[in-house]
Amino acid sequence: IDQLKSEGITHIERWDATHKVSPQQNIETNEAASST
C-alpha cells in the first residue's frame, strides 16, 4: 500500500454496474472472498 501511494495511487473507485475493472488498476486478486 505504501508502494502504491509512492506511485501516486491513493484511491481506486469502487465497482458498480457502469464501472469496469481498469487494466491499469489491475485489480486481480489471489485471495478470494466467496460469493456465498
All heavy atoms as atom14 arrays in JSON, in Angstrom:
{
  "sequence": "IDQLKSEGITHIERWDATHKVSPQQNIETNEAASST",
  "atom14_mask": [
    [1, 1, 1, 1, 1, 1, 1, 1, 0, 0, 0, 0, 0, 0],
    [1, 1, 1, 1, 1, 1, 1, 1, 0, 0, 0, 0, 0, 0],
    [1, 1, 1, 1, 1, 1, 1, 1, 1, 0, 0, 0, 0, 0],
    [1, 1, 1, 1, 1, 1, 1, 1, 0, 0, 0, 0, 0, 0],
    [1, 1, 1, 1, 1, 1, 1, 1, 1, 0, 0, 0, 0, 0],
    [1, 1, 1, 1, 1, 1, 0, 0, 0, 0, 0, 0, 0, 0],
    [1, 1, 1, 1, 1, 1, 1, 1, 1, 0, 0, 0, 0, 0],
    [1, 1, 1, 1, 0, 0, 0, 0, 0, 0, 0, 0, 0, 0],
    [1, 1, 1, 1, 1, 1, 1, 1, 0, 0, 0, 0, 0, 0],
    [1, 1, 1, 1, 1, 1, 1, 0, 0, 0, 0, 0, 0, 0],
    [1, 1, 1, 1, 1, 1, 1, 1, 1, 1, 0, 0, 0, 0],
    [1, 1, 1, 1, 1, 1, 1, 1, 0, 0, 0, 0, 0, 0],
    [1, 1, 1, 1, 1, 1, 1, 1, 1, 0, 0, 0, 0, 0],
    [1, 1, 1, 1, 1, 1, 1, 1, 1, 1, 1, 0, 0, 0],
    [1, 1, 1, 1, 1, 1, 1, 1, 1, 1, 1, 1, 1, 1],
    [1, 1, 1, 1, 1, 1, 1, 1, 0, 0, 0, 0, 0, 0],
    [1, 1, 1, 1, 1, 0, 0, 0, 0, 0, 0, 0, 0, 0],
    [1, 1, 1, 1, 1, 1, 1, 0, 0, 0, 0, 0, 0, 0],
    [1, 1, 1, 1, 1, 1, 1, 1, 1, 1, 0, 0, 0, 0],
    [1, 1, 1, 1, 1, 1, 1, 1, 1, 0, 0, 0, 0, 0],
    [1, 1, 1, 1, 1, 1, 1, 0, 0, 0, 0, 0, 0, 0],
    [1, 1, 1, 1, 1, 1, 0, 0, 0, 0, 0, 0, 0, 0],
    [1, 1, 1, 1, 1, 1, 1, 0, 0, 0, 0, 0, 0, 0],
    [1, 1, 1, 1, 1, 1, 1, 1, 1, 0, 0, 0, 0, 0],
    [1, 1, 1, 1, 1, 1, 1, 1, 1, 0, 0, 0, 0, 0],
    [1, 1, 1, 1, 1, 1, 1, 1, 0, 0, 0, 0, 0, 0],
    [1, 1, 1, 1, 1, 1, 1, 1, 0, 0, 0, 0, 0, 0],
    [1, 1, 1, 1, 1, 1, 1, 1, 1, 0, 0, 0, 0, 0],
    [1, 1, 1, 1, 1, 1, 1, 0, 0, 0, 0, 0, 0, 0],
    [1, 1, 1, 1, 1, 1, 1, 1, 0, 0, 0, 0, 0, 0],
    [1, 1, 1, 1, 1, 1, 1, 1, 1, 0, 0, 0, 0, 0],
    [1, 1, 1, 1, 1, 0, 0, 0, 0, 0, 0, 0, 0, 0],
    [1, 1, 1, 1, 1, 0, 0, 0, 0, 0, 0, 0, 0, 0],
    [1, 1, 1, 1, 1, 1, 0, 0, 0, 0, 0, 0, 0, 0],
    [1, 1, 1, 1, 1, 1, 0, 0, 0, 0, 0, 0, 0, 0],
    [1, 1, 1, 1, 1, 1, 1, 0, 0, 0, 0, 0, 0, 0]
  ],
  "atom14_positions": [
    [[0.84, -1.2, 0.0], [0.0, 0.0, 0.0], [0.88, 1.24, 0.0], [0.62, 2.21, -0.73], [-0.96, -0.02, 1.2], [-2.09, -1.04, 0.96], [-1.57, 1.37, 1.43], [-3.04, -1.21, 2.11], [0.0, 0.0, 0.0], [0.0, 0.0, 0.0], [0.0, 0.0, 0.0], [0.0, 0.0, 0.0], [0.0, 0.0, 0.0], [0.0, 0.0, 0.0]],
    [[1.93, 1.23, 0.82], [2.87, 2.35, 0.81], [3.52, 2.49, -0.56], [3.77, 3.62, -1.04], [3.94, 2.17, 1.89], [3.39, 2.3, 3.29], [2.3, 2.9, 3.44], [4.03, 1.8, 4.24], [0.0, 0.0, 0.0], [0.0, 0.0, 0.0], [0.0, 0.0, 0.0], [0.0, 0.0, 0.0], [0.0, 0.0, 0.0], [0.0, 0.0, 0.0]],
    [[3.81, 1.37, -1.2], [4.41, 1.4, -2.54], [3.44, 2.02, -3.54], [3.84, 2.85, -4.39], [4.79, -0.02, -2.96], [5.63, -0.09, -4.21], [5.99, -1.51, -4.58], [5.19, -2.23, -5.19], [7.19, -1.94, -4.21], [0.0, 0.0, 0.0], [0.0, 0.0, 0.0], [0.0, 0.0, 0.0], [0.0, 0.0, 0.0], [0.0, 0.0, 0.0]],
    [[2.18, 1.63, -3.47], [1.17, 2.22, -4.35], [1.08, 3.73, -4.14], [1.02, 4.51, -5.11], [-0.2, 1.57, -4.09], [-0.41, 0.15, -4.63], [-1.68, -0.45, -4.04], [-0.49, 0.16, -6.16], [0.0, 0.0, 0.0], [0.0, 0.0, 0.0], [0.0, 0.0, 0.0], [0.0, 0.0, 0.0], [0.0, 0.0, 0.0], [0.0, 0.0, 0.0]],
    [[1.06, 4.16, -2.89], [0.95, 5.59, -2.6], [2.15, 6.35, -3.12], [2.04, 7.49, -3.58], [0.77, 5.79, -1.09], [-0.59, 5.33, -0.57], [-0.73, 5.59, 0.92], [-2.12, 5.18, 1.41], [-2.28, 5.42, 2.87], [0.0, 0.0, 0.0], [0.0, 0.0, 0.0], [0.0, 0.0, 0.0], [0.0, 0.0, 0.0], [0.0, 0.0, 0.0]],
    [[3.34, 5.71, -3.03], [4.54, 6.37, -3.55], [4.48, 6.55, -5.06], [5.17, 7.41, -5.63], [5.79, 5.57, -3.17], [5.83, 4.33, -3.87], [0.0, 0.0, 0.0], [0.0, 0.0, 0.0], [0.0, 0.0, 0.0], [0.0, 0.0, 0.0], [0.0, 0.0, 0.0], [0.0, 0.0, 0.0], [0.0, 0.0, 0.0], [0.0, 0.0, 0.0]],
    [[3.65, 5.72, -5.72], [3.47, 5.82, -7.17], [2.28, 6.71, -7.52], [1.91, 6.82, -8.7], [3.26, 4.42, -7.76], [4.46, 3.5, -7.55], [4.15, 2.06, -7.94], [3.01, 1.81, -8.43], [5.01, 1.18, -7.75], [0.0, 0.0, 0.0], [0.0, 0.0, 0.0], [0.0, 0.0, 0.0], [0.0, 0.0, 0.0], [0.0, 0.0, 0.0]],
    [[1.67, 7.31, -6.53], [0.56, 8.23, -6.76], [-0.8, 7.57, -6.77], [-1.81, 8.23, -7.04], [0.0, 0.0, 0.0], [0.0, 0.0, 0.0], [0.0, 0.0, 0.0], [0.0, 0.0, 0.0], [0.0, 0.0, 0.0], [0.0, 0.0, 0.0], [0.0, 0.0, 0.0], [0.0, 0.0, 0.0], [0.0, 0.0, 0.0], [0.0, 0.0, 0.0]],
    [[-0.87, 6.28, -6.44], [-2.17, 5.58, -6.39], [-2.66, 5.58, -4.95], [-2.21, 4.79, -4.12], [-2.03, 4.13, -6.91], [-1.46, 4.12, -8.33], [-3.39, 3.42, -6.88], [-1.18, 2.73, -8.87], [0.0, 0.0, 0.0], [0.0, 0.0, 0.0], [0.0, 0.0, 0.0], [0.0, 0.0, 0.0], [0.0, 0.0, 0.0], [0.0, 0.0, 0.0]],
    [[-3.56, 6.47, -4.64], [-4.09, 6.57, -3.28], [-5.57, 6.23, -3.2], [-6.11, 6.1, -2.1], [-3.88, 8.0, -2.75], [-4.56, 8.93, -3.61], [-2.39, 8.35, -2.69], [0.0, 0.0, 0.0], [0.0, 0.0, 0.0], [0.0, 0.0, 0.0], [0.0, 0.0, 0.0], [0.0, 0.0, 0.0], [0.0, 0.0, 0.0], [0.0, 0.0, 0.0]],
    [[-6.21, 6.08, -4.36], [-7.65, 5.8, -4.35], [-8.01, 4.99, -5.59], [-7.51, 5.26, -6.68], [-8.46, 7.1, -4.33], [-9.94, 6.87, -4.39], [-10.67, 6.38, -3.34], [-10.83, 7.07, -5.41], [-11.95, 6.28, -3.67], [-12.07, 6.7, -4.93], [0.0, 0.0, 0.0], [0.0, 0.0, 0.0], [0.0, 0.0, 0.0], [0.0, 0.0, 0.0]],
    [[-8.87, 4.0, -5.41], [-9.39, 3.19, -6.52], [-10.9, 3.17, -6.4], [-11.45, 2.88, -5.33], [-8.82, 1.76, -6.47], [-7.3, 1.79, -6.65], [-9.47, 0.88, -7.55], [-6.63, 0.45, -6.53], [0.0, 0.0, 0.0], [0.0, 0.0, 0.0], [0.0, 0.0, 0.0], [0.0, 0.0, 0.0], [0.0, 0.0, 0.0], [0.0, 0.0, 0.0]],
    [[-11.56, 3.51, -7.49], [-13.02, 3.59, -7.48], [-13.64, 2.23, -7.19], [-13.11, 1.19, -7.58], [-13.53, 4.1, -8.83], [-13.17, 5.54, -9.14], [-13.86, 6.51, -8.2], [-14.97, 6.19, -7.72], [-13.29, 7.59, -7.93], [0.0, 0.0, 0.0], [0.0, 0.0, 0.0], [0.0, 0.0, 0.0], [0.0, 0.0, 0.0], [0.0, 0.0, 0.0]],
    [[-14.76, 2.27, -6.49], [-15.5, 1.03, -6.26], [-16.18, 0.58, -7.55], [-16.53, 1.39, -8.4], [-16.56, 1.24, -5.16], [-15.98, 1.61, -3.81], [-17.09, 1.7, -2.78], [-16.57, 2.22, -1.51], [-17.32, 2.43, -0.44], [-18.62, 2.14, -0.48], [-16.78, 2.92, 0.66], [0.0, 0.0, 0.0], [0.0, 0.0, 0.0], [0.0, 0.0, 0.0]],
    [[-16.38, -0.74, -7.63], [-17.06, -1.28, -8.8], [-18.55, -0.98, -8.71], [-19.16, -1.04, -7.64], [-16.86, -2.8, -8.86], [-17.34, -3.42, -10.14], [-16.61, -3.67, -11.24], [-18.67, -3.84, -10.42], [-17.37, -4.24, -12.22], [-18.66, -4.35, -11.75], [-19.88, -3.83, -9.72], [-19.81, -4.85, -12.37], [-21.02, -4.32, -10.34], [-20.98, -4.83, -11.65]],
    [[-19.15, -0.62, -9.89], [-20.61, -0.56, -9.99], [-20.98, -1.05, -11.38], [-20.13, -1.44, -12.17], [-21.14, 0.84, -9.68], [-20.57, 1.9, -10.61], [-20.35, 1.59, -11.8], [-20.33, 3.03, -10.15], [0.0, 0.0, 0.0], [0.0, 0.0, 0.0], [0.0, 0.0, 0.0], [0.0, 0.0, 0.0], [0.0, 0.0, 0.0], [0.0, 0.0, 0.0]],
    [[-22.26, -1.0, -11.68], [-22.74, -1.6, -12.93], [-22.15, -0.92, -14.16], [-22.06, -1.53, -15.23], [-24.27, -1.54, -12.98], [0.0, 0.0, 0.0], [0.0, 0.0, 0.0], [0.0, 0.0, 0.0], [0.0, 0.0, 0.0], [0.0, 0.0, 0.0], [0.0, 0.0, 0.0], [0.0, 0.0, 0.0], [0.0, 0.0, 0.0], [0.0, 0.0, 0.0]],
    [[-21.77, 0.35, -14.02], [-21.22, 1.07, -15.18], [-19.71, 1.13, -15.14], [-19.08, 1.66, -16.04], [-21.77, 2.51, -15.2], [-21.38, 3.18, -14.0], [-23.28, 2.49, -15.32], [0.0, 0.0, 0.0], [0.0, 0.0, 0.0], [0.0, 0.0, 0.0], [0.0, 0.0, 0.0], [0.0, 0.0, 0.0], [0.0, 0.0, 0.0], [0.0, 0.0, 0.0]],
    [[-19.11, 0.6, -14.08], [-17.66, 0.69, -13.9], [-17.03, -0.67, -14.17], [-17.43, -1.67, -13.6], [-17.33, 1.13, -12.47], [-15.85, 1.16, -12.19], [-15.02, 2.1, -12.74], [-15.09, 0.35, -11.42], [-13.79, 1.87, -12.32], [-13.8, 0.81, -11.52], [0.0, 0.0, 0.0], [0.0, 0.0, 0.0], [0.0, 0.0, 0.0], [0.0, 0.0, 0.0]],
    [[-16.07, -0.71, -15.06], [-15.37, -1.94, -15.39], [-13.99, -1.91, -14.74], [-13.43, -0.85, -14.5], [-15.22, -2.1, -16.9], [-16.55, -2.07, -17.63], [-17.41, -3.23, -17.24], [-18.69, -3.26, -18.04], [-19.6, -2.15, -17.74], [0.0, 0.0, 0.0], [0.0, 0.0, 0.0], [0.0, 0.0, 0.0], [0.0, 0.0, 0.0], [0.0, 0.0, 0.0]],
    [[-13.46, -3.06, -14.48], [-12.14, -3.15, -13.88], [-11.11, -2.62, -14.86], [-10.99, -3.13, -15.97], [-11.81, -4.59, -13.49], [-10.42, -4.68, -12.89], [-12.84, -5.11, -12.52], [0.0, 0.0, 0.0], [0.0, 0.0, 0.0], [0.0, 0.0, 0.0], [0.0, 0.0, 0.0], [0.0, 0.0, 0.0], [0.0, 0.0, 0.0], [0.0, 0.0, 0.0]],
    [[-10.36, -1.61, -14.5], [-9.39, -1.0, -15.38], [-8.12, -1.83, -15.45], [-7.59, -2.23, -14.42], [-9.04, 0.41, -14.88], [-7.92, 0.91, -15.57], [0.0, 0.0, 0.0], [0.0, 0.0, 0.0], [0.0, 0.0, 0.0], [0.0, 0.0, 0.0], [0.0, 0.0, 0.0], [0.0, 0.0, 0.0], [0.0, 0.0, 0.0], [0.0, 0.0, 0.0]],
    [[-7.6, -2.1, -16.67], [-6.34, -2.84, -16.76], [-5.21, -2.12, -16.05], [-4.31, -2.75, -15.51], [-6.1, -2.91, -18.28], [-7.43, -2.7, -18.91], [-8.17, -1.79, -18.0], [0.0, 0.0, 0.0], [0.0, 0.0, 0.0], [0.0, 0.0, 0.0], [0.0, 0.0, 0.0], [0.0, 0.0, 0.0], [0.0, 0.0, 0.0], [0.0, 0.0, 0.0]],
    [[-5.26, -0.76, -16.05], [-4.2, -0.03, -15.38], [-4.23, -0.25, -13.87], [-3.19, -0.27, -13.2], [-4.32, 1.48, -15.69], [-3.96, 1.85, -17.12], [-5.08, 1.52, -18.09], [-6.23, 1.3, -17.67], [-4.75, 1.45, -19.37], [0.0, 0.0, 0.0], [0.0, 0.0, 0.0], [0.0, 0.0, 0.0], [0.0, 0.0, 0.0], [0.0, 0.0, 0.0]],
    [[-5.45, -0.37, -13.37], [-5.55, -0.61, -11.93], [-5.23, -2.06, -11.6], [-4.79, -2.37, -10.5], [-6.96, -0.27, -11.44], [-7.25, 1.22, -11.54], [-8.7, 1.53, -11.32], [-9.54, 0.64, -11.37], [-9.01, 2.79, -11.08], [0.0, 0.0, 0.0], [0.0, 0.0, 0.0], [0.0, 0.0, 0.0], [0.0, 0.0, 0.0], [0.0, 0.0, 0.0]],
    [[-5.43, -2.96, -12.58], [-5.01, -4.36, -12.44], [-5.48, -4.97, -11.13], [-4.69, -5.47, -10.34], [-3.48, -4.46, -12.56], [-3.04, -5.91, -12.72], [-3.8, -6.74, -13.18], [-1.81, -6.2, -12.34], [0.0, 0.0, 0.0], [0.0, 0.0, 0.0], [0.0, 0.0, 0.0], [0.0, 0.0, 0.0], [0.0, 0.0, 0.0], [0.0, 0.0, 0.0]],
    [[-6.76, -4.9, -10.9], [-7.28, -5.42, -9.64], [-7.54, -6.91, -9.78], [-8.66, -7.37, -9.77], [-8.55, -4.67, -9.22], [-8.31, -3.17, -9.29], [-8.95, -5.04, -7.81], [-9.5, -2.35, -8.92], [0.0, 0.0, 0.0], [0.0, 0.0, 0.0], [0.0, 0.0, 0.0], [0.0, 0.0, 0.0], [0.0, 0.0, 0.0], [0.0, 0.0, 0.0]],
    [[-6.46, -7.64, -9.98], [-6.53, -9.1, -9.96], [-6.1, -9.53, -8.58], [-5.11, -9.03, -8.07], [-5.59, -9.7, -11.0], [-5.51, -11.2, -10.93], [-4.37, -11.73, -11.78], [-3.65, -10.93, -12.39], [-4.2, -12.95, -11.8], [0.0, 0.0, 0.0], [0.0, 0.0, 0.0], [0.0, 0.0, 0.0], [0.0, 0.0, 0.0], [0.0, 0.0, 0.0]],
    [[-6.84, -10.4, -7.95], [-6.5, -10.81, -6.59], [-6.34, -12.3, -6.5], [-6.88, -13.04, -7.31], [-7.6, -10.38, -5.6], [-8.72, -11.18, -5.84], [-7.95, -8.93, -5.75], [0.0, 0.0, 0.0], [0.0, 0.0, 0.0], [0.0, 0.0, 0.0], [0.0, 0.0, 0.0], [0.0, 0.0, 0.0], [0.0, 0.0, 0.0], [0.0, 0.0, 0.0]],
    [[-5.6, -12.69, -5.52], [-5.35, -14.11, -5.31], [-6.01, -14.62, -4.06], [-6.02, -15.81, -3.82], [-3.86, -14.37, -5.2], [-3.15, -13.99, -6.48], [-3.76, -13.41, -7.36], [-1.89, -14.32, -6.56], [0.0, 0.0, 0.0], [0.0, 0.0, 0.0], [0.0, 0.0, 0.0], [0.0, 0.0, 0.0], [0.0, 0.0, 0.0], [0.0, 0.0, 0.0]],
    [[-6.5, -13.73, -3.22], [-7.21, -14.19, -2.03], [-8.67, -13.89, -2.29], [-9.05, -12.74, -2.43], [-6.71, -13.47, -0.78], [-5.29, -13.83, -0.49], [-4.82, -13.19, 0.78], [-5.24, -13.62, 1.85], [-4.05, -12.25, 0.7], [0.0, 0.0, 0.0], [0.0, 0.0, 0.0], [0.0, 0.0, 0.0], [0.0, 0.0, 0.0], [0.0, 0.0, 0.0]],
    [[-9.46, -14.87, -2.41], [-10.82, -14.68, -2.88], [-11.82, -14.74, -1.77], [-11.66, -15.47, -0.85], [-11.14, -15.77, -3.88], [0.0, 0.0, 0.0], [0.0, 0.0, 0.0], [0.0, 0.0, 0.0], [0.0, 0.0, 0.0], [0.0, 0.0, 0.0], [0.0, 0.0, 0.0], [0.0, 0.0, 0.0], [0.0, 0.0, 0.0], [0.0, 0.0, 0.0]],
    [[-12.84, -13.93, -1.9], [-13.93, -13.97, -0.94], [-15.12, -14.58, -1.63], [-15.61, -14.06, -2.6], [-14.26, -12.58, -0.45], [0.0, 0.0, 0.0], [0.0, 0.0, 0.0], [0.0, 0.0, 0.0], [0.0, 0.0, 0.0], [0.0, 0.0, 0.0], [0.0, 0.0, 0.0], [0.0, 0.0, 0.0], [0.0, 0.0, 0.0], [0.0, 0.0, 0.0]],
    [[-15.53, -15.7, -1.17], [-16.61, -16.45, -1.8], [-17.9, -15.65, -1.8], [-18.23, -14.96, -0.86], [-16.82, -17.76, -1.05], [-18.02, -18.35, -1.46], [0.0, 0.0, 0.0], [0.0, 0.0, 0.0], [0.0, 0.0, 0.0], [0.0, 0.0, 0.0], [0.0, 0.0, 0.0], [0.0, 0.0, 0.0], [0.0, 0.0, 0.0], [0.0, 0.0, 0.0]],
    [[-18.6, -15.72, -2.93], [-19.88, -15.02, -3.02], [-20.89, -15.58, -2.04], [-21.9, -14.94, -1.74], [-20.43, -15.12, -4.45], [-20.59, -16.48, -4.79], [0.0, 0.0, 0.0], [0.0, 0.0, 0.0], [0.0, 0.0, 0.0], [0.0, 0.0, 0.0], [0.0, 0.0, 0.0], [0.0, 0.0, 0.0], [0.0, 0.0, 0.0], [0.0, 0.0, 0.0]],
    [[-20.63, -16.75, -1.55], [-21.53, -17.35, -0.57], [-21.15, -16.97, 0.85], [-21.81, -17.37, 1.79], [-21.51, -18.88, -0.68], [-20.18, -19.34, -0.39], [-21.88, -19.32, -2.08], [0.0, 0.0, 0.0], [0.0, 0.0, 0.0], [0.0, 0.0, 0.0], [0.0, 0.0, 0.0], [0.0, 0.0, 0.0], [0.0, 0.0, 0.0], [0.0, 0.0, 0.0]]
  ]
}
